[in-house]
């Protein structure tokens, strides 16, 4: 990809009404465009990153047996009435509309009800379970405030997985697999070190649910961390636990601000009972399906990465989700000579399967380097006429201050 061919431009300033660091940097670097408060478009660089995040999540969901599908955003009133969640008094974040014939519709904020209703066509016997299905689907939530950039939006894509099991015991086996899959995801996204499995309120069918909370100054939640067990407790239930760790019972917990990047819930029979999702067990008895729900917001994860992995120059992407691995920059000297050598380097990297953003723009070196720091690709490789003569290249990791001069033939091994 040549940078001159990307229609987006970097900016020195973000919109004045944008207060979150993640949105400020992503807008300035040309990853997203703010349509309105809480609504963002993903531009070419941002789309490459969000798709890489989705693919990591997809791989881990597939590894535990999840089957991908896509449900609709438009939702009928009748689907949600049995659970009571069509009521604005129960759920105050609906976006609702109606057809020209007056039929009332809502834009889905989650999908427990439609998933449950759909499964009535596919689950009849105990032999049909366990089964888990997931999607990456646009959700709509009428948030009262939207000041956290892409971490709290009114329109956003969520990965939501739902499990359908015969009973609690079967559910718990899958639940633990899902919990480990989430740990794997956040490790692969580069934020695992600061992300804690966090005990939270469990609702009607479980004593606890589990959130995945990433320590960050931008966090909206307060969690209490047990360093001995490497788990945390949401402040909301600390009193229920007598101010102690639910694993070891210790009281040496310290408080941190954190961002909720994922959550998993035991739903039990709440939705299967309301929507009559039943099966016949081994004895021929009719039973309600036992359910679970597992959510991650790819955009919220992306925003958390930016909040935590950035500096005063710009974003610092982990290799796993960076839109490109290498920012290849040509500078100075005889433009034809430098262009030819840069193209050779570009082709060498591309043939090795390395994704490259080639800055071929006619700008001063300082402007190119500033843009490279702002965009935040893992490695910067510079080609100049002086280096061509010496058969060297300059390479710099975005995570370190100083660059290194290497022989051309060393480049691939350095990047590996």
Protein backbone atom coordinates (compact mmCIF):
# COMPACT_ATOMS: atom_id res chain seq x y z
CA UNK A 1 0.00 0.00 0.00
CA UNK A 2 1.39 3.39 -1.01
CA UNK A 3 0.56 6.16 1.42
CA UNK A 4 -0.06 8.60 -1.44
CA UNK A 5 -2.95 6.37 -2.54
CA UNK A 6 -4.72 6.47 0.83
CA UNK A 7 -7.34 9.21 0.69
CA UNK A 8 -7.15 9.92 4.43
CA UNK A 9 -4.86 12.56 5.84
CA UNK A 10 -3.32 12.93 9.28
CA UNK A 11 -4.32 15.91 11.39
CA UNK A 12 -2.50 18.00 13.96
CA UNK A 13 -5.65 18.50 16.01
CA UNK A 14 -8.67 16.37 16.85
CA UNK A 15 -12.23 17.80 17.00
CA UNK A 16 -12.54 20.17 19.94
CA UNK A 17 -15.53 18.29 21.33
CA UNK A 18 -13.63 14.99 21.45
CA UNK A 19 -12.25 14.48 24.96
CA UNK A 20 -11.12 10.83 24.94
CA UNK A 21 -7.52 10.04 24.07
CA UNK A 22 -8.44 7.02 21.96
CA UNK A 23 -10.73 8.99 19.66
CA UNK A 24 -8.38 11.99 19.49
CA UNK A 25 -5.45 9.86 18.34
CA UNK A 26 -7.49 7.64 16.02
CA UNK A 27 -9.07 10.66 14.33
CA UNK A 28 -5.75 12.49 14.00
CA UNK A 29 -4.05 9.39 12.59
CA UNK A 30 -6.81 8.82 10.04
CA UNK A 31 -8.22 5.58 11.48
CA UNK A 32 -11.77 6.77 12.18
CA UNK A 33 -14.11 9.61 11.32
CA UNK A 34 -16.52 11.07 13.85
CA UNK A 35 -20.02 11.21 12.38
CA UNK A 36 -21.68 12.45 15.57
CA UNK A 37 -21.34 11.87 19.30
CA UNK A 38 -20.93 8.14 19.87
CA UNK A 39 -20.99 7.26 16.15
CA UNK A 40 -17.77 6.63 14.22
CA UNK A 41 -16.89 5.49 10.71
CA UNK A 42 -13.89 3.20 10.23
CA UNK A 43 -11.50 4.44 7.54
CA UNK A 44 -9.06 2.14 5.64
CA UNK A 45 -6.40 2.00 8.38
CA UNK A 46 -8.99 1.63 11.13
CA UNK A 47 -10.85 -1.07 9.23
CA UNK A 48 -7.67 -3.12 8.82
CA UNK A 49 -7.08 -2.95 12.58
CA UNK A 50 -10.64 -3.73 13.64
CA UNK A 51 -10.73 -6.71 11.26
CA UNK A 52 -7.51 -8.07 12.76
CA UNK A 53 -9.03 -7.79 16.23
CA UNK A 54 -12.14 -9.58 14.99
CA UNK A 55 -10.05 -12.35 13.44
CA UNK A 56 -8.22 -12.99 16.71
CA UNK A 57 -11.55 -13.22 18.50
CA UNK A 58 -12.96 -15.43 15.72
CA UNK A 59 -10.04 -17.87 15.94
CA UNK A 60 -10.49 -18.28 19.69
CA UNK A 61 -14.27 -18.69 19.43
CA UNK A 62 -13.85 -21.31 16.70
CA UNK A 63 -11.29 -23.12 18.85
CA UNK A 64 -13.92 -23.78 21.55
CA UNK A 65 -16.51 -24.92 19.04
CA UNK A 66 -18.34 -21.66 18.33
CA UNK A 67 -20.23 -21.49 15.04
CA UNK A 68 -20.44 -18.09 13.36
CA UNK A 69 -23.61 -16.55 11.99
CA UNK A 70 -25.12 -13.07 11.67
CA UNK A 71 -28.50 -12.09 13.05
CA UNK A 72 -30.53 -9.05 12.03
CA UNK A 73 -30.38 -5.65 13.66
CA UNK A 74 -34.10 -4.99 13.07
CA UNK A 75 -36.09 -6.66 15.84
CA UNK A 76 -39.81 -7.32 16.22
CA UNK A 77 -41.62 -6.23 19.35
CA UNK A 78 -43.09 -9.73 19.76
CA UNK A 79 -39.63 -11.29 20.09
CA UNK A 80 -38.80 -9.21 23.16
CA UNK A 81 -42.12 -9.03 24.99
CA UNK A 82 -41.96 -12.51 26.61
CA UNK A 83 -38.76 -11.59 28.50
CA UNK A 84 -40.10 -8.16 29.43
CA UNK A 85 -37.20 -6.38 27.77
CA UNK A 86 -39.25 -4.52 25.16
CA UNK A 87 -40.39 -2.18 27.94
CA UNK A 88 -38.53 1.12 28.11
CA UNK A 89 -38.82 0.90 31.88
CA UNK A 90 -36.76 -2.30 31.84
CA UNK A 91 -34.34 -1.35 29.03
CA UNK A 92 -33.88 2.39 28.59
CA UNK A 93 -31.34 2.22 25.73
CA UNK A 94 -33.60 1.08 22.86
CA UNK A 95 -33.63 2.83 19.52
CA UNK A 96 -37.17 2.18 18.29
CA UNK A 97 -38.90 2.86 14.99
CA UNK A 98 -41.84 1.52 13.01
CA UNK A 99 -42.72 0.33 9.53
CA UNK A 100 -45.01 2.31 7.26
CA UNK A 101 -47.86 0.00 8.26
CA UNK A 102 -47.35 0.92 11.90
CA UNK A 103 -45.55 -2.26 12.99
CA UNK A 104 -43.19 -1.37 15.83
CA UNK A 105 -39.51 -2.38 15.51
CA UNK A 106 -36.36 -1.92 17.53
CA UNK A 107 -32.68 -1.83 16.62
CA UNK A 108 -31.05 -4.67 18.55
CA UNK A 109 -28.91 -3.73 21.55
CA UNK A 110 -28.10 -7.41 22.22
CA UNK A 111 -29.43 -10.74 20.90
CA UNK A 112 -30.36 -13.18 23.66
CA UNK A 113 -34.04 -13.21 22.71
CA UNK A 114 -33.71 -13.61 18.92
CA UNK A 115 -30.99 -16.25 19.36
CA UNK A 116 -33.21 -18.17 21.77
CA UNK A 117 -36.19 -17.93 19.45
CA UNK A 118 -34.13 -19.09 16.46
CA UNK A 119 -32.81 -22.11 18.36
CA UNK A 120 -36.37 -23.39 18.82
CA UNK A 121 -36.04 -24.53 15.19
CA UNK A 122 -32.84 -26.46 15.83
CA UNK A 123 -32.81 -27.83 19.39
CA UNK A 124 -35.29 -30.59 20.17
CA UNK A 125 -33.30 -33.34 21.88
CA UNK A 126 -30.47 -33.66 24.40
CA UNK A 127 -28.45 -34.95 21.46
CA UNK A 128 -28.53 -31.46 19.89
CA UNK A 129 -26.40 -29.99 22.69
CA UNK A 130 -24.07 -28.55 23.72
CA UNK A 131 -24.01 -25.96 20.94
CA UNK A 132 -22.60 -22.43 20.81
CA UNK A 133 -23.14 -19.76 18.18
CA UNK A 134 -21.66 -16.29 17.80
CA UNK A 135 -21.71 -13.26 15.58
CA UNK A 136 -20.03 -9.94 14.86
CA UNK A 137 -23.03 -7.71 14.59
CA UNK A 138 -23.88 -4.02 14.75
CA UNK A 139 -25.66 -3.06 17.97
CA UNK A 140 -27.47 0.17 18.76
CA UNK A 141 -27.67 1.62 22.26
CA UNK A 142 -29.15 5.00 23.12
CA UNK A 143 -26.43 5.88 25.61
CA UNK A 144 -27.15 8.90 27.78
CA UNK A 145 -23.53 10.00 27.34
CA UNK A 146 -20.91 9.13 24.77
CA UNK A 147 -17.65 10.72 25.85
CA UNK A 148 -15.31 7.74 25.78
CA UNK A 149 -14.65 7.65 22.04
CA UNK A 150 -15.01 4.23 20.46
CA UNK A 151 -15.13 2.61 23.90
CA UNK A 152 -18.75 3.71 24.51
CA UNK A 153 -20.59 4.25 21.25
CA UNK A 154 -24.22 4.37 20.24
CA UNK A 155 -23.59 2.26 17.14
CA UNK A 156 -20.94 -0.43 17.40
CA UNK A 157 -20.03 -3.99 16.43
CA UNK A 158 -20.10 -6.58 19.21
CA UNK A 159 -19.04 -10.20 19.25
CA UNK A 160 -21.74 -11.99 21.18
CA UNK A 161 -21.65 -15.74 21.68
CA UNK A 162 -24.47 -17.78 23.21
CA UNK A 163 -24.17 -21.29 24.60
CA UNK A 164 -27.01 -23.80 24.83
CA UNK A 165 -26.52 -26.76 27.19
CA UNK A 166 -28.51 -29.57 28.79
CA UNK A 167 -27.84 -28.52 32.36
CA UNK A 168 -25.66 -26.50 34.72
CA UNK A 169 -22.86 -29.08 34.77
CA UNK A 170 -22.52 -29.10 30.98
CA UNK A 171 -22.73 -25.31 30.94
CA UNK A 172 -19.92 -24.94 33.48
CA UNK A 173 -17.56 -26.99 31.32
CA UNK A 174 -18.15 -24.67 28.37
CA UNK A 175 -18.07 -21.57 30.57
CA UNK A 176 -14.52 -22.38 31.71
CA UNK A 177 -13.42 -22.92 28.11
CA UNK A 178 -14.86 -19.55 27.17
CA UNK A 179 -13.15 -17.89 30.11
CA UNK A 180 -9.76 -19.23 28.97
CA UNK A 181 -10.49 -18.22 25.38
CA UNK A 182 -11.03 -14.65 26.57
CA UNK A 183 -7.70 -14.72 28.42
CA UNK A 184 -6.08 -15.89 25.17
CA UNK A 185 -7.75 -13.09 23.20
CA UNK A 186 -6.54 -10.27 25.42
CA UNK A 187 -3.04 -11.74 25.54
CA UNK A 188 -2.98 -11.79 21.74
CA UNK A 189 -4.31 -8.23 21.58
CA UNK A 190 -1.34 -7.04 23.65
CA UNK A 191 -3.30 -5.98 26.74
CA UNK A 192 -3.35 -9.28 28.64
CA UNK A 193 -0.78 -8.22 31.23
CA UNK A 194 -3.09 -5.52 32.58
CA UNK A 195 -6.36 -7.39 32.05
CA UNK A 196 -7.91 -9.19 35.02
CA UNK A 197 -10.67 -11.76 35.32
CA UNK A 198 -13.02 -9.78 37.54
CA UNK A 199 -15.80 -11.14 39.72
CA UNK A 200 -19.03 -9.19 39.24
CA UNK A 201 -22.72 -9.54 40.01
CA UNK A 202 -24.11 -12.78 38.61
CA UNK A 203 -27.81 -12.06 38.37
CA UNK A 204 -30.53 -14.66 38.91
CA UNK A 205 -28.82 -17.93 38.00
CA UNK A 206 -25.24 -17.53 39.18
CA UNK A 207 -23.57 -16.09 42.23
CA UNK A 208 -21.03 -14.30 40.03
CA UNK A 209 -20.48 -13.31 36.44
CA UNK A 210 -17.01 -12.53 35.15
CA UNK A 211 -15.83 -9.33 33.55
CA UNK A 212 -12.49 -8.80 31.88
CA UNK A 213 -11.18 -5.48 33.12
CA UNK A 214 -8.08 -3.72 31.80
CA UNK A 215 -6.34 -1.30 34.16
CA UNK A 216 -6.32 2.16 32.61
CA UNK A 217 -6.55 5.79 33.74
CA UNK A 218 -9.42 6.09 31.25
CA UNK A 219 -11.42 3.39 33.00
CA UNK A 220 -15.01 3.99 34.12
CA UNK A 221 -15.04 1.08 36.59
CA UNK A 222 -13.29 0.58 39.90
CA UNK A 223 -11.89 -2.88 40.61
CA UNK A 224 -10.04 -4.36 43.59
CA UNK A 225 -7.07 -6.54 42.61
CA UNK A 226 -5.64 -9.52 44.47
CA UNK A 227 -2.03 -9.74 43.27
CA UNK A 228 -1.65 -13.18 44.86
CA UNK A 229 -4.40 -14.72 42.69
CA UNK A 230 -4.16 -12.30 39.74
CA UNK A 231 -7.91 -11.77 39.83
CA UNK A 232 -10.05 -8.76 40.65
CA UNK A 233 -13.42 -7.91 42.15
CA UNK A 234 -15.75 -5.21 40.86
CA UNK A 235 -16.25 -2.57 43.53
CA UNK A 236 -20.02 -3.06 43.24
CA UNK A 237 -19.84 -6.48 44.99
CA UNK A 238 -16.96 -5.90 47.42
CA UNK A 239 -19.41 -5.64 50.33
CA UNK A 240 -21.00 -8.96 49.37
CA UNK A 241 -17.56 -10.58 49.60
CA UNK A 242 -16.74 -9.00 52.97
CA UNK A 243 -13.98 -6.93 51.30
CA UNK A 244 -11.99 -10.08 50.53
CA UNK A 245 -10.69 -12.07 47.54
CA UNK A 246 -13.22 -14.75 46.46
CA UNK A 247 -10.38 -17.15 45.60
CA UNK A 248 -7.95 -17.00 48.54
CA UNK A 249 -10.01 -15.05 51.08
CA UNK A 250 -7.24 -12.49 51.53
CA UNK A 251 -8.01 -8.85 52.25
CA UNK A 252 -4.86 -7.34 50.70
CA UNK A 253 -6.56 -5.91 47.62
CA UNK A 254 -5.79 -2.59 45.98
CA UNK A 255 -8.14 -0.40 43.94
CA UNK A 256 -7.58 0.54 40.29
CA UNK A 257 -9.55 2.24 37.51
CA UNK A 258 -10.30 -0.16 34.68
CA UNK A 259 -12.04 -0.56 31.32
CA UNK A 260 -14.42 -3.48 30.90
CA UNK A 261 -13.29 -5.13 27.64
CA UNK A 262 -15.39 -8.30 27.88
CA UNK A 263 -17.88 -10.20 30.02
CA UNK A 264 -19.33 -13.68 30.37
CA UNK A 265 -22.64 -14.54 32.05
CA UNK A 266 -24.57 -17.59 33.14
CA UNK A 267 -28.12 -16.99 31.87
CA UNK A 268 -29.57 -20.24 33.10
CA UNK A 269 -33.21 -20.74 32.05
CA UNK A 270 -34.25 -17.09 32.07
CA UNK A 271 -34.66 -16.74 28.30
CA UNK A 272 -35.35 -20.38 27.42
CA UNK A 273 -38.25 -20.41 29.86
CA UNK A 274 -39.68 -17.10 28.62
CA UNK A 275 -39.39 -18.08 24.95
CA UNK A 276 -40.15 -21.80 25.41
CA UNK A 277 -36.83 -23.20 24.21
CA UNK A 278 -37.08 -26.78 25.46
CA UNK A 279 -35.68 -30.23 24.72
CA UNK A 280 -36.42 -33.83 25.57
CA UNK A 281 -33.86 -35.41 27.90
CA UNK A 282 -32.72 -39.04 27.99
CA UNK A 283 -35.91 -39.99 29.87
CA UNK A 284 -38.16 -38.23 27.37
CA UNK A 285 -38.89 -35.40 29.83
CA UNK A 286 -39.28 -31.83 28.59
CA UNK A 287 -36.62 -29.50 30.03
CA UNK A 288 -35.60 -25.88 29.53
CA UNK A 289 -32.27 -25.31 27.77
CA UNK A 290 -29.53 -23.91 30.02
CA UNK A 291 -27.88 -20.82 28.46
CA UNK A 292 -24.85 -18.56 28.72
CA UNK A 293 -23.84 -15.26 27.11
CA UNK A 294 -20.32 -14.07 26.22
CA UNK A 295 -19.54 -10.60 24.86
CA UNK A 296 -16.56 -8.65 23.56
CA UNK A 297 -16.59 -5.31 21.75
CA UNK A 298 -13.82 -5.21 19.12
CA UNK A 299 -13.96 -1.42 19.01
CA UNK A 300 -13.82 -1.16 22.80
CA UNK A 301 -10.74 -3.40 22.72
CA UNK A 302 -9.24 -1.20 20.01
CA UNK A 303 -9.88 1.92 22.05
CA UNK A 304 -8.36 0.31 25.15
CA UNK A 305 -5.21 -0.59 23.21
CA UNK A 306 -4.87 3.05 22.13
CA UNK A 307 -5.53 4.36 25.64
CA UNK A 308 -2.87 2.09 27.16
CA UNK A 309 -0.33 1.73 24.36
CA UNK A 310 0.35 5.27 23.19
CA UNK A 311 2.79 8.05 24.01
CA UNK A 312 3.11 11.78 23.45
CA UNK A 313 3.87 11.17 19.75
CA UNK A 314 0.98 8.90 18.89
CA UNK A 315 -0.26 5.33 18.87
CA UNK A 316 1.94 2.27 19.54
CA UNK A 317 0.20 -0.72 17.94
CA UNK A 318 0.99 -4.33 18.92
CA UNK A 319 2.07 -6.31 15.86
CA UNK A 320 -1.00 -8.54 16.13
CA UNK A 321 -3.45 -5.74 15.29
CA UNK A 322 -1.39 -3.07 13.52
CA UNK A 323 -2.82 -2.23 10.07
CA UNK A 324 0.67 -2.84 8.63
CA UNK A 325 3.82 -4.20 10.23
CA UNK A 326 6.30 -1.85 8.53
CA UNK A 327 6.20 1.84 7.67
CA UNK A 328 8.63 2.15 4.76
CA UNK A 329 9.84 5.72 4.28
CA UNK A 330 11.88 7.15 1.40
CA UNK A 331 13.71 10.42 2.02
CA UNK A 332 16.04 12.89 0.27
CA UNK A 333 18.65 12.70 -2.48
CA UNK A 334 18.06 11.69 -6.06
CA UNK A 335 14.35 10.88 -6.06
CA UNK A 336 14.57 8.37 -8.89
CA UNK A 337 17.42 6.46 -7.25
CA UNK A 338 15.76 6.45 -3.84
CA UNK A 339 12.40 5.48 -5.34
CA UNK A 340 13.92 2.51 -7.17
CA UNK A 341 15.69 1.21 -4.07
CA UNK A 342 12.59 1.72 -1.92
CA UNK A 343 10.56 -0.27 -4.41
CA UNK A 344 13.10 -3.09 -4.20
CA UNK A 345 12.79 -3.12 -0.41
CA UNK A 346 8.99 -2.98 -0.66
CA UNK A 347 8.92 -5.95 -3.03
CA UNK A 348 11.31 -7.94 -0.84
CA UNK A 349 9.15 -7.39 2.24
CA UNK A 350 5.92 -8.12 0.39
CA UNK A 351 7.28 -11.38 -1.03
CA UNK A 352 8.19 -12.37 2.55
CA UNK A 353 4.56 -11.88 3.56
CA UNK A 354 5.22 -8.69 5.54
CA UNK A 355 2.53 -6.00 5.32
CA UNK A 356 4.05 -2.65 4.33
CA UNK A 357 2.78 0.91 4.20
CA UNK A 358 5.09 2.75 1.80
CA UNK A 359 5.34 6.51 2.42
CA UNK A 360 6.03 7.71 -1.11
CA UNK A 361 4.71 11.23 -0.52
CA UNK A 362 6.71 14.32 -1.48
CA UNK A 363 7.09 15.66 2.06
CA UNK A 364 9.97 16.66 4.31
CA UNK A 365 11.53 13.86 6.40
CA UNK A 366 10.33 15.44 9.65
CA UNK A 367 6.71 15.40 8.48
CA UNK A 368 6.97 11.76 7.43
CA UNK A 369 8.55 10.72 10.72
CA UNK A 370 5.90 12.60 12.72
CA UNK A 371 3.15 10.87 10.77
CA UNK A 372 4.84 7.50 11.28
CA UNK A 373 4.92 8.05 15.05
CA UNK A 374 1.28 9.17 15.06
CA UNK A 375 0.06 6.18 13.00
CA UNK A 376 2.14 3.88 15.20
CA UNK A 377 3.14 0.89 13.05
CA UNK A 378 5.48 -1.53 14.85
CA UNK A 379 8.55 -0.86 12.65
CA UNK A 380 9.85 2.06 10.62
CA UNK A 381 12.32 1.37 7.80
CA UNK A 382 14.03 4.34 6.12
CA UNK A 383 15.69 4.40 2.69
CA UNK A 384 17.92 7.36 1.75
CA UNK A 385 20.54 8.03 -0.95
CA UNK A 386 23.32 7.97 1.64
CA UNK A 387 22.20 4.57 2.87
CA UNK A 388 21.92 3.24 -0.67
CA UNK A 389 25.60 4.03 -1.23
CA UNK A 390 26.53 2.22 1.99
CA UNK A 391 24.06 -0.63 1.26
CA UNK A 392 22.38 -0.06 4.60
CA UNK A 393 18.91 0.70 5.92
CA UNK A 394 17.65 2.44 9.04
CA UNK A 395 15.22 0.45 11.18
CA UNK A 396 13.40 1.59 14.29
CA UNK A 397 10.87 -0.11 16.53
CA UNK A 398 7.98 2.15 17.51
CA UNK A 399 8.49 0.98 21.10
CA UNK A 400 12.04 2.33 21.42
CA UNK A 401 13.55 5.78 21.09
CA UNK A 402 16.62 5.10 18.96
CA UNK A 403 16.97 3.70 15.45
CA UNK A 404 19.57 1.24 14.18
CA UNK A 405 21.57 1.14 10.95
CA UNK A 406 21.72 -2.36 9.49
CA UNK A 407 22.89 -4.08 6.32
CA UNK A 408 20.19 -4.59 3.72
CA UNK A 409 20.47 -8.36 3.98
CA UNK A 410 19.74 -8.18 7.74
CA UNK A 411 16.30 -6.60 7.35
CA UNK A 412 14.16 -9.71 7.14
CA UNK A 413 15.85 -11.36 10.12
CA UNK A 414 15.43 -8.17 12.16
CA UNK A 415 11.72 -8.02 11.36
CA UNK A 416 11.28 -11.71 12.13
